[in-house]
Amino acid sequence: MSTKKSTVVVIDKKEYNLSGFEEEDYLQRVAAYINQKITEMNQQDSYKRIPQDMKNLMLNLNLADDYFKAKEQAGSAGSKFSDLEKEIFDLKHQLVDAQMQLDDANTKLAEVNSRMELVKAQNEQMQTLIEEAEKEKRELIQKNERLTADLEEVLLN
């Protein structure tokens, strides 16, 4: 658990001893912010002429205004963050879908390539059979020509 820390800060030219669970640097930044607001208010002529209780009220109103604006901005940023998270989720989903489609396409491509290899092998076998058939045909034509020549010779003699 955090320990309580104390530090001395200067606000509107007066020293205050602040304590809390926050770091000393944080407490100094808070005091510096309040000093900045007091300086901004003191730069306005109308602010210098009003009673101290009104000055305190004006300062409090300005600090509250800053707080609510920051809170609204944080809410807006949170909403935008949620929207971006949803968009990232949707994009991741689309990426997964695209990856699945790519995997399917690669699988189909592999199947087509496999079939093409099979068709090529069958084509080569058919080409070999055609070449063998043509060779056998030439041999049969030659035998037929020899037999025809032999038959003519036998018939003519």
N, C-alpha and C. Protein backbone atom coordinates (compact mmCIF):
# COMPACT_ATOMS: atom_id res chain seq x y z
N MET A 1 0.84 -1.18 0.00
CA MET A 1 0.00 0.00 0.00
C MET A 1 0.89 1.24 0.00
N SER A 2 0.46 2.30 -0.63
CA SER A 2 1.23 3.53 -0.72
C SER A 2 1.30 4.22 0.64
N THR A 3 2.39 4.92 0.83
CA THR A 3 2.53 5.70 2.06
C THR A 3 2.19 7.14 1.79
N LYS A 4 1.74 7.79 2.84
CA LYS A 4 1.36 9.20 2.71
C LYS A 4 2.62 10.04 2.63
N LYS A 5 2.59 11.01 1.71
CA LYS A 5 3.76 11.87 1.50
C LYS A 5 3.35 13.32 1.75
N SER A 6 4.32 14.13 2.18
CA SER A 6 4.07 15.55 2.42
C SER A 6 5.07 16.38 1.63
N THR A 7 4.63 17.56 1.22
CA THR A 7 5.52 18.48 0.52
C THR A 7 5.01 19.90 0.73
N VAL A 8 5.89 20.84 0.61
CA VAL A 8 5.54 22.25 0.74
C VAL A 8 5.38 22.82 -0.67
N VAL A 9 4.25 23.49 -0.89
CA VAL A 9 4.00 24.12 -2.19
C VAL A 9 3.71 25.60 -1.95
N VAL A 10 3.90 26.38 -3.01
CA VAL A 10 3.60 27.81 -2.94
C VAL A 10 2.43 28.06 -3.87
N ILE A 11 1.35 28.60 -3.29
CA ILE A 11 0.17 28.96 -4.08
C ILE A 11 -0.17 30.41 -3.78
N ASP A 12 -0.19 31.23 -4.80
CA ASP A 12 -0.48 32.66 -4.69
C ASP A 12 0.43 33.32 -3.64
N LYS A 13 1.72 33.00 -3.73
CA LYS A 13 2.78 33.59 -2.91
C LYS A 13 2.68 33.19 -1.43
N LYS A 14 1.95 32.12 -1.12
CA LYS A 14 1.85 31.63 0.25
C LYS A 14 2.26 30.16 0.26
N GLU A 15 2.95 29.77 1.33
CA GLU A 15 3.39 28.38 1.45
C GLU A 15 2.30 27.55 2.12
N TYR A 16 2.13 26.34 1.57
CA TYR A 16 1.16 25.39 2.14
C TYR A 16 1.85 24.03 2.25
N ASN A 17 1.54 23.31 3.31
CA ASN A 17 2.05 21.96 3.47
C ASN A 17 0.96 21.00 3.00
N LEU A 18 1.20 20.34 1.86
CA LEU A 18 0.23 19.39 1.32
C LEU A 18 0.69 17.98 1.62
N SER A 19 -0.26 17.10 1.88
CA SER A 19 0.09 15.70 2.05
C SER A 19 -0.94 14.85 1.33
N GLY A 20 -0.48 13.71 0.87
CA GLY A 20 -1.35 12.79 0.14
C GLY A 20 -0.57 11.57 -0.29
N PHE A 21 -1.24 10.70 -0.98
CA PHE A 21 -0.60 9.46 -1.44
C PHE A 21 0.09 9.64 -2.79
N GLU A 22 -0.09 10.79 -3.39
CA GLU A 22 0.53 11.06 -4.68
C GLU A 22 2.01 11.44 -4.48
N GLU A 23 2.75 11.40 -5.56
CA GLU A 23 4.17 11.77 -5.52
C GLU A 23 4.30 13.29 -5.34
N GLU A 24 5.43 13.70 -4.78
CA GLU A 24 5.69 15.11 -4.54
C GLU A 24 5.63 15.91 -5.85
N ASP A 25 6.17 15.34 -6.91
CA ASP A 25 6.16 16.00 -8.22
C ASP A 25 4.73 16.30 -8.67
N TYR A 26 3.82 15.37 -8.44
CA TYR A 26 2.43 15.56 -8.82
C TYR A 26 1.82 16.72 -8.02
N LEU A 27 2.06 16.73 -6.73
CA LEU A 27 1.51 17.80 -5.89
C LEU A 27 2.06 19.16 -6.32
N GLN A 28 3.32 19.21 -6.72
CA GLN A 28 3.93 20.46 -7.20
C GLN A 28 3.27 20.90 -8.52
N ARG A 29 2.97 19.94 -9.38
CA ARG A 29 2.31 20.29 -10.66
C ARG A 29 0.91 20.82 -10.42
N VAL A 30 0.18 20.25 -9.45
CA VAL A 30 -1.16 20.75 -9.12
C VAL A 30 -1.06 22.18 -8.63
N ALA A 31 -0.11 22.44 -7.74
CA ALA A 31 0.07 23.81 -7.22
C ALA A 31 0.45 24.77 -8.35
N ALA A 32 1.30 24.32 -9.26
CA ALA A 32 1.70 25.17 -10.39
C ALA A 32 0.50 25.48 -11.28
N TYR A 33 -0.39 24.52 -11.45
CA TYR A 33 -1.59 24.76 -12.27
C TYR A 33 -2.48 25.81 -11.62
N ILE A 34 -2.66 25.69 -10.32
CA ILE A 34 -3.50 26.69 -9.63
C ILE A 34 -2.85 28.07 -9.71
N ASN A 35 -1.53 28.14 -9.54
CA ASN A 35 -0.82 29.42 -9.68
C ASN A 35 -1.02 30.00 -11.08
N GLN A 36 -0.97 29.15 -12.09
CA GLN A 36 -1.18 29.61 -13.47
C GLN A 36 -2.58 30.20 -13.61
N LYS A 37 -3.58 29.55 -13.04
CA LYS A 37 -4.96 30.07 -13.13
C LYS A 37 -5.08 31.41 -12.40
N ILE A 38 -4.46 31.50 -11.22
CA ILE A 38 -4.50 32.77 -10.47
C ILE A 38 -3.85 33.88 -11.27
N THR A 39 -2.70 33.56 -11.91
CA THR A 39 -2.00 34.56 -12.73
C THR A 39 -2.89 35.00 -13.90
N GLU A 40 -3.54 34.05 -14.56
CA GLU A 40 -4.45 34.40 -15.67
C GLU A 40 -5.55 35.33 -15.19
N MET A 41 -6.14 34.99 -14.02
CA MET A 41 -7.24 35.81 -13.51
C MET A 41 -6.75 37.21 -13.14
N ASN A 42 -5.56 37.29 -12.52
CA ASN A 42 -5.01 38.59 -12.09
C ASN A 42 -4.67 39.50 -13.27
N GLN A 43 -4.53 38.96 -14.46
CA GLN A 43 -4.21 39.78 -15.63
C GLN A 43 -5.44 40.55 -16.12
N GLN A 44 -6.62 40.20 -15.61
CA GLN A 44 -7.83 40.90 -16.02
C GLN A 44 -8.10 42.04 -15.03
N ASP A 45 -8.28 43.25 -15.55
CA ASP A 45 -8.50 44.42 -14.69
C ASP A 45 -9.75 44.26 -13.84
N SER A 46 -10.81 43.72 -14.40
CA SER A 46 -12.06 43.58 -13.66
C SER A 46 -11.91 42.62 -12.48
N TYR A 47 -11.05 41.64 -12.60
CA TYR A 47 -10.82 40.65 -11.54
C TYR A 47 -10.14 41.31 -10.34
N LYS A 48 -9.25 42.24 -10.60
CA LYS A 48 -8.49 42.89 -9.53
C LYS A 48 -9.41 43.74 -8.63
N ARG A 49 -10.53 44.22 -9.15
CA ARG A 49 -11.39 45.15 -8.41
C ARG A 49 -12.49 44.45 -7.61
N ILE A 50 -12.64 43.15 -7.76
CA ILE A 50 -13.75 42.48 -7.05
C ILE A 50 -13.26 41.97 -5.69
N PRO A 51 -14.18 41.77 -4.75
CA PRO A 51 -13.81 41.30 -3.40
C PRO A 51 -13.18 39.90 -3.46
N GLN A 52 -12.43 39.55 -2.40
CA GLN A 52 -11.69 38.30 -2.35
C GLN A 52 -12.61 37.08 -2.46
N ASP A 53 -13.78 37.12 -1.81
CA ASP A 53 -14.67 35.95 -1.90
C ASP A 53 -15.15 35.74 -3.33
N MET A 54 -15.35 36.82 -4.09
CA MET A 54 -15.73 36.70 -5.50
C MET A 54 -14.54 36.18 -6.32
N LYS A 55 -13.34 36.63 -5.97
CA LYS A 55 -12.14 36.12 -6.66
C LYS A 55 -12.03 34.61 -6.47
N ASN A 56 -12.24 34.18 -5.22
CA ASN A 56 -12.18 32.73 -4.94
C ASN A 56 -13.25 31.98 -5.73
N LEU A 57 -14.45 32.55 -5.78
CA LEU A 57 -15.53 31.92 -6.53
C LEU A 57 -15.19 31.86 -8.02
N MET A 58 -14.67 32.96 -8.57
CA MET A 58 -14.30 32.99 -9.99
C MET A 58 -13.20 31.94 -10.28
N LEU A 59 -12.23 31.85 -9.39
CA LEU A 59 -11.16 30.87 -9.56
C LEU A 59 -11.73 29.45 -9.54
N ASN A 60 -12.61 29.21 -8.55
CA ASN A 60 -13.24 27.88 -8.46
C ASN A 60 -14.05 27.57 -9.70
N LEU A 61 -14.79 28.56 -10.20
CA LEU A 61 -15.59 28.36 -11.42
C LEU A 61 -14.68 28.03 -12.61
N ASN A 62 -13.56 28.75 -12.73
CA ASN A 62 -12.63 28.49 -13.83
C ASN A 62 -12.01 27.10 -13.71
N LEU A 63 -11.65 26.71 -12.49
CA LEU A 63 -11.09 25.36 -12.29
C LEU A 63 -12.13 24.29 -12.60
N ALA A 64 -13.37 24.52 -12.17
CA ALA A 64 -14.45 23.57 -12.46
C ALA A 64 -14.69 23.49 -13.97
N ASP A 65 -14.66 24.65 -14.63
CA ASP A 65 -14.83 24.68 -16.09
C ASP A 65 -13.75 23.84 -16.77
N ASP A 66 -12.50 24.05 -16.35
CA ASP A 66 -11.39 23.25 -16.91
C ASP A 66 -11.62 21.76 -16.66
N TYR A 67 -12.07 21.44 -15.44
CA TYR A 67 -12.31 20.04 -15.09
C TYR A 67 -13.37 19.42 -16.00
N PHE A 68 -14.51 20.11 -16.15
CA PHE A 68 -15.59 19.54 -16.95
C PHE A 68 -15.21 19.44 -18.43
N LYS A 69 -14.47 20.41 -18.92
CA LYS A 69 -14.00 20.33 -20.31
C LYS A 69 -13.04 19.16 -20.50
N ALA A 70 -12.15 18.99 -19.53
CA ALA A 70 -11.21 17.86 -19.61
C ALA A 70 -11.96 16.54 -19.51
N LYS A 71 -12.95 16.49 -18.63
CA LYS A 71 -13.75 15.27 -18.46
C LYS A 71 -14.51 14.95 -19.75
N GLU A 72 -15.10 15.99 -20.36
CA GLU A 72 -15.82 15.79 -21.62
C GLU A 72 -14.86 15.32 -22.72
N GLN A 73 -13.68 15.94 -22.74
CA GLN A 73 -12.68 15.56 -23.75
C GLN A 73 -12.23 14.12 -23.52
N ALA A 74 -12.07 13.74 -22.26
CA ALA A 74 -11.68 12.36 -21.94
C ALA A 74 -12.78 11.39 -22.36
N GLY A 75 -14.03 11.78 -22.10
CA GLY A 75 -15.16 10.94 -22.52
C GLY A 75 -15.22 10.79 -24.02
N SER A 76 -14.98 11.90 -24.71
CA SER A 76 -14.96 11.87 -26.17
C SER A 76 -13.83 10.99 -26.68
N ALA A 77 -12.66 11.14 -26.02
CA ALA A 77 -11.51 10.31 -26.42
C ALA A 77 -11.80 8.84 -26.13
N GLY A 78 -12.46 8.59 -24.99
CA GLY A 78 -12.82 7.20 -24.66
C GLY A 78 -13.78 6.62 -25.67
N SER A 79 -14.75 7.44 -26.08
CA SER A 79 -15.71 7.00 -27.09
C SER A 79 -15.00 6.72 -28.42
N LYS A 80 -14.11 7.64 -28.79
CA LYS A 80 -13.35 7.46 -30.03
C LYS A 80 -12.48 6.21 -29.93
N PHE A 81 -11.89 6.00 -28.74
CA PHE A 81 -11.07 4.80 -28.51
C PHE A 81 -11.91 3.54 -28.70
N SER A 82 -13.14 3.56 -28.14
CA SER A 82 -14.04 2.40 -28.29
C SER A 82 -14.37 2.17 -29.76
N ASP A 83 -14.64 3.27 -30.47
CA ASP A 83 -14.94 3.15 -31.90
C ASP A 83 -13.75 2.56 -32.65
N LEU A 84 -12.55 3.04 -32.31
CA LEU A 84 -11.34 2.51 -32.97
C LEU A 84 -11.11 1.05 -32.61
N GLU A 85 -11.39 0.68 -31.35
CA GLU A 85 -11.25 -0.73 -30.96
C GLU A 85 -12.21 -1.60 -31.77
N LYS A 86 -13.45 -1.12 -31.96
CA LYS A 86 -14.43 -1.86 -32.75
C LYS A 86 -13.96 -1.98 -34.19
N GLU A 87 -13.44 -0.88 -34.73
CA GLU A 87 -12.95 -0.90 -36.10
C GLU A 87 -11.78 -1.88 -36.23
N ILE A 88 -10.89 -1.89 -35.25
CA ILE A 88 -9.77 -2.83 -35.27
C ILE A 88 -10.29 -4.26 -35.21
N PHE A 89 -11.29 -4.51 -34.35
CA PHE A 89 -11.89 -5.85 -34.27
C PHE A 89 -12.47 -6.25 -35.62
N ASP A 90 -13.22 -5.32 -36.23
CA ASP A 90 -13.82 -5.61 -37.54
C ASP A 90 -12.73 -5.89 -38.59
N LEU A 91 -11.67 -5.10 -38.58
CA LEU A 91 -10.58 -5.30 -39.54
C LEU A 91 -9.88 -6.64 -39.31
N LYS A 92 -9.71 -7.00 -38.05
CA LYS A 92 -9.11 -8.31 -37.74
C LYS A 92 -10.01 -9.43 -38.26
N HIS A 93 -11.32 -9.26 -38.07
CA HIS A 93 -12.28 -10.25 -38.56
C HIS A 93 -12.19 -10.36 -40.09
N GLN A 94 -12.11 -9.22 -40.75
CA GLN A 94 -11.98 -9.23 -42.22
C GLN A 94 -10.67 -9.88 -42.63
N LEU A 95 -9.61 -9.62 -41.87
CA LEU A 95 -8.32 -10.23 -42.17
C LEU A 95 -8.39 -11.74 -42.04
N VAL A 96 -9.05 -12.22 -40.98
CA VAL A 96 -9.20 -13.67 -40.80
C VAL A 96 -10.01 -14.26 -41.96
N ASP A 97 -11.10 -13.57 -42.33
CA ASP A 97 -11.91 -14.04 -43.47
C ASP A 97 -11.07 -14.09 -44.76
N ALA A 98 -10.30 -13.04 -44.99
CA ALA A 98 -9.46 -12.99 -46.18
C ALA A 98 -8.41 -14.11 -46.15
N GLN A 99 -7.85 -14.36 -44.98
CA GLN A 99 -6.86 -15.43 -44.85
C GLN A 99 -7.50 -16.78 -45.13
N MET A 100 -8.72 -16.97 -44.63
CA MET A 100 -9.42 -18.24 -44.89
C MET A 100 -9.71 -18.39 -46.39
N GLN A 101 -10.13 -17.30 -47.03
CA GLN A 101 -10.38 -17.35 -48.47
C GLN A 101 -9.10 -17.65 -49.22
N LEU A 102 -8.01 -17.05 -48.79
CA LEU A 102 -6.71 -17.30 -49.42
C LEU A 102 -6.31 -18.76 -49.25
N ASP A 103 -6.52 -19.29 -48.03
CA ASP A 103 -6.21 -20.70 -47.78
C ASP A 103 -7.05 -21.61 -48.68
N ASP A 104 -8.35 -21.28 -48.80
CA ASP A 104 -9.23 -22.06 -49.68
C ASP A 104 -8.75 -21.99 -51.13
N ALA A 105 -8.40 -20.78 -51.56
CA ALA A 105 -7.92 -20.61 -52.94
C ALA A 105 -6.62 -21.39 -53.15
N ASN A 106 -5.73 -21.36 -52.16
CA ASN A 106 -4.48 -22.11 -52.28
C ASN A 106 -4.74 -23.61 -52.33
N THR A 107 -5.71 -24.08 -51.55
CA THR A 107 -6.07 -25.49 -51.57
C THR A 107 -6.63 -25.88 -52.95
N LYS A 108 -7.52 -25.05 -53.47
CA LYS A 108 -8.08 -25.32 -54.80
C LYS A 108 -7.00 -25.26 -55.87
N LEU A 109 -6.10 -24.31 -55.76
CA LEU A 109 -5.00 -24.20 -56.71
C LEU A 109 -4.12 -25.45 -56.65
N ALA A 110 -3.88 -25.94 -55.44
CA ALA A 110 -3.08 -27.17 -55.30
C ALA A 110 -3.81 -28.35 -55.94
N GLU A 111 -5.13 -28.40 -55.78
CA GLU A 111 -5.92 -29.48 -56.41
C GLU A 111 -5.85 -29.37 -57.93
N VAL A 112 -5.97 -28.14 -58.45
CA VAL A 112 -5.89 -27.93 -59.90
C VAL A 112 -4.51 -28.33 -60.41
N ASN A 113 -3.47 -27.92 -59.69
CA ASN A 113 -2.10 -28.29 -60.09
C ASN A 113 -1.92 -29.80 -60.07
N SER A 114 -2.49 -30.45 -59.07
CA SER A 114 -2.39 -31.90 -58.98
C SER A 114 -3.10 -32.55 -60.18
N ARG A 115 -4.28 -32.04 -60.51
CA ARG A 115 -5.02 -32.57 -61.67
C ARG A 115 -4.25 -32.31 -62.95
N MET A 116 -3.64 -31.12 -63.05
CA MET A 116 -2.86 -30.80 -64.26
C MET A 116 -1.68 -31.76 -64.40
N GLU A 117 -1.04 -32.09 -63.30
CA GLU A 117 0.07 -33.04 -63.35
C GLU A 117 -0.43 -34.41 -63.80
N LEU A 118 -1.60 -34.80 -63.29
CA LEU A 118 -2.19 -36.09 -63.69
C LEU A 118 -2.52 -36.07 -65.18
N VAL A 119 -3.12 -34.97 -65.67
CA VAL A 119 -3.46 -34.85 -67.09
C VAL A 119 -2.18 -34.86 -67.93
N LYS A 120 -1.13 -34.19 -67.47
CA LYS A 120 0.14 -34.19 -68.20
C LYS A 120 0.69 -35.61 -68.29
N ALA A 121 0.63 -36.33 -67.17
CA ALA A 121 1.14 -37.71 -67.17
C ALA A 121 0.31 -38.57 -68.13
N GLN A 122 -1.01 -38.39 -68.08
CA GLN A 122 -1.87 -39.15 -69.00
C GLN A 122 -1.59 -38.75 -70.44
N ASN A 123 -1.37 -37.48 -70.69
CA ASN A 123 -1.06 -36.99 -72.02
C ASN A 123 0.24 -37.62 -72.53
N GLU A 124 1.25 -37.67 -71.66
CA GLU A 124 2.52 -38.30 -72.05
C GLU A 124 2.33 -39.78 -72.37
N GLN A 125 1.50 -40.46 -71.55
CA GLN A 125 1.23 -41.88 -71.82
C GLN A 125 0.52 -42.04 -73.16
N MET A 126 -0.46 -41.18 -73.42
CA MET A 126 -1.19 -41.25 -74.69
C MET A 126 -0.25 -40.96 -75.85
N GLN A 127 0.63 -39.97 -75.66
CA GLN A 127 1.58 -39.63 -76.72
C GLN A 127 2.49 -40.82 -77.01
N THR A 128 2.92 -41.50 -75.98
CA THR A 128 3.74 -42.70 -76.16
C THR A 128 2.96 -43.78 -76.89
N LEU A 129 1.70 -43.97 -76.50
CA LEU A 129 0.86 -44.98 -77.16
C LEU A 129 0.64 -44.61 -78.64
N ILE A 130 0.43 -43.34 -78.92
CA ILE A 130 0.25 -42.89 -80.31
C ILE A 130 1.51 -43.17 -81.12
N GLU A 131 2.67 -42.82 -80.52
CA GLU A 131 3.93 -43.05 -81.23
C GLU A 131 4.14 -44.55 -81.49
N GLU A 132 3.81 -45.39 -80.50
CA GLU A 132 3.93 -46.84 -80.68
C GLU A 132 2.97 -47.33 -81.75
N ALA A 133 1.74 -46.80 -81.75
CA ALA A 133 0.74 -47.20 -82.74
C ALA A 133 1.18 -46.78 -84.14
N GLU A 134 1.74 -45.54 -84.24
CA GLU A 134 2.22 -45.09 -85.56
C GLU A 134 3.39 -45.95 -86.04
N LYS A 135 4.27 -46.33 -85.12
CA LYS A 135 5.40 -47.20 -85.48
C LYS A 135 4.88 -48.56 -85.95
N GLU A 136 3.93 -49.10 -85.21
CA GLU A 136 3.33 -50.39 -85.59
C GLU A 136 2.62 -50.27 -86.92
N LYS A 137 1.94 -49.13 -87.16
CA LYS A 137 1.24 -48.90 -88.43
C LYS A 137 2.25 -48.88 -89.58
N ARG A 138 3.39 -48.17 -89.38
CA ARG A 138 4.41 -48.13 -90.43
C ARG A 138 4.95 -49.54 -90.72
N GLU A 139 5.17 -50.27 -89.61
CA GLU A 139 5.68 -51.64 -89.80
C GLU A 139 4.66 -52.50 -90.55
N LEU A 140 3.38 -52.35 -90.23
CA LEU A 140 2.32 -53.12 -90.91
C LEU A 140 2.21 -52.71 -92.38
N ILE A 141 2.37 -51.40 -92.64
CA ILE A 141 2.32 -50.94 -94.05
C ILE A 141 3.49 -51.55 -94.82
N GLN A 142 4.67 -51.56 -94.17
CA GLN A 142 5.83 -52.15 -94.85
C GLN A 142 5.61 -53.65 -95.08
N LYS A 143 5.07 -54.34 -94.08
CA LYS A 143 4.79 -55.78 -94.25
C LYS A 143 3.76 -55.99 -95.35
N ASN A 144 2.74 -55.12 -95.34
CA ASN A 144 1.71 -55.23 -96.37
C ASN A 144 2.31 -55.02 -97.75
N GLU A 145 3.18 -54.02 -97.88
CA GLU A 145 3.82 -53.76 -99.17
C GLU A 145 4.69 -54.95 -99.58
N ARG A 146 5.43 -55.54 -98.64
CA ARG A 146 6.26 -56.71 -98.97
C ARG A 146 5.38 -57.89 -99.38
N LEU A 147 4.31 -58.09 -98.58
CA LEU A 147 3.42 -59.21 -98.92
C LEU A 147 2.75 -58.98 -100.27
N THR A 148 2.34 -57.73 -100.54
CA THR A 148 1.73 -57.43 -101.83
C THR A 148 2.74 -57.66 -102.95
N ALA A 149 3.97 -57.23 -102.72
CA ALA A 149 5.01 -57.44 -103.73
C ALA A 149 5.27 -58.92 -103.91
N ASP A 150 5.34 -59.66 -102.79
CA ASP A 150 5.56 -61.11 -102.89
C ASP A 150 4.39 -61.79 -103.60
N LEU A 151 3.19 -61.35 -103.29
CA LEU A 151 2.02 -61.94 -103.93
C LEU A 151 2.01 -61.65 -105.41
N GLU A 152 2.36 -60.44 -105.82
CA GLU A 152 2.41 -60.07 -107.23
C GLU A 152 3.46 -60.91 -107.94
N GLU A 153 4.55 -61.10 -107.28
CA GLU A 153 5.64 -61.88 -107.88
C GLU A 153 5.20 -63.33 -108.06
N VAL A 154 4.50 -63.83 -107.04
CA VAL A 154 4.06 -65.22 -107.14
C VAL A 154 2.99 -65.34 -108.21
N LEU A 155 2.12 -64.38 -108.31
CA LEU A 155 1.05 -64.44 -109.32
C LEU A 155 1.61 -64.21 -110.72
N LEU A 156 2.59 -63.42 -110.89
CA LEU A 156 3.15 -63.14 -112.19
C LEU A 156 4.06 -64.29 -112.66
N ASN A 157 4.53 -65.00 -111.84
CA ASN A 157 5.41 -66.08 -112.25
C ASN A 157 4.65 -67.24 -112.58
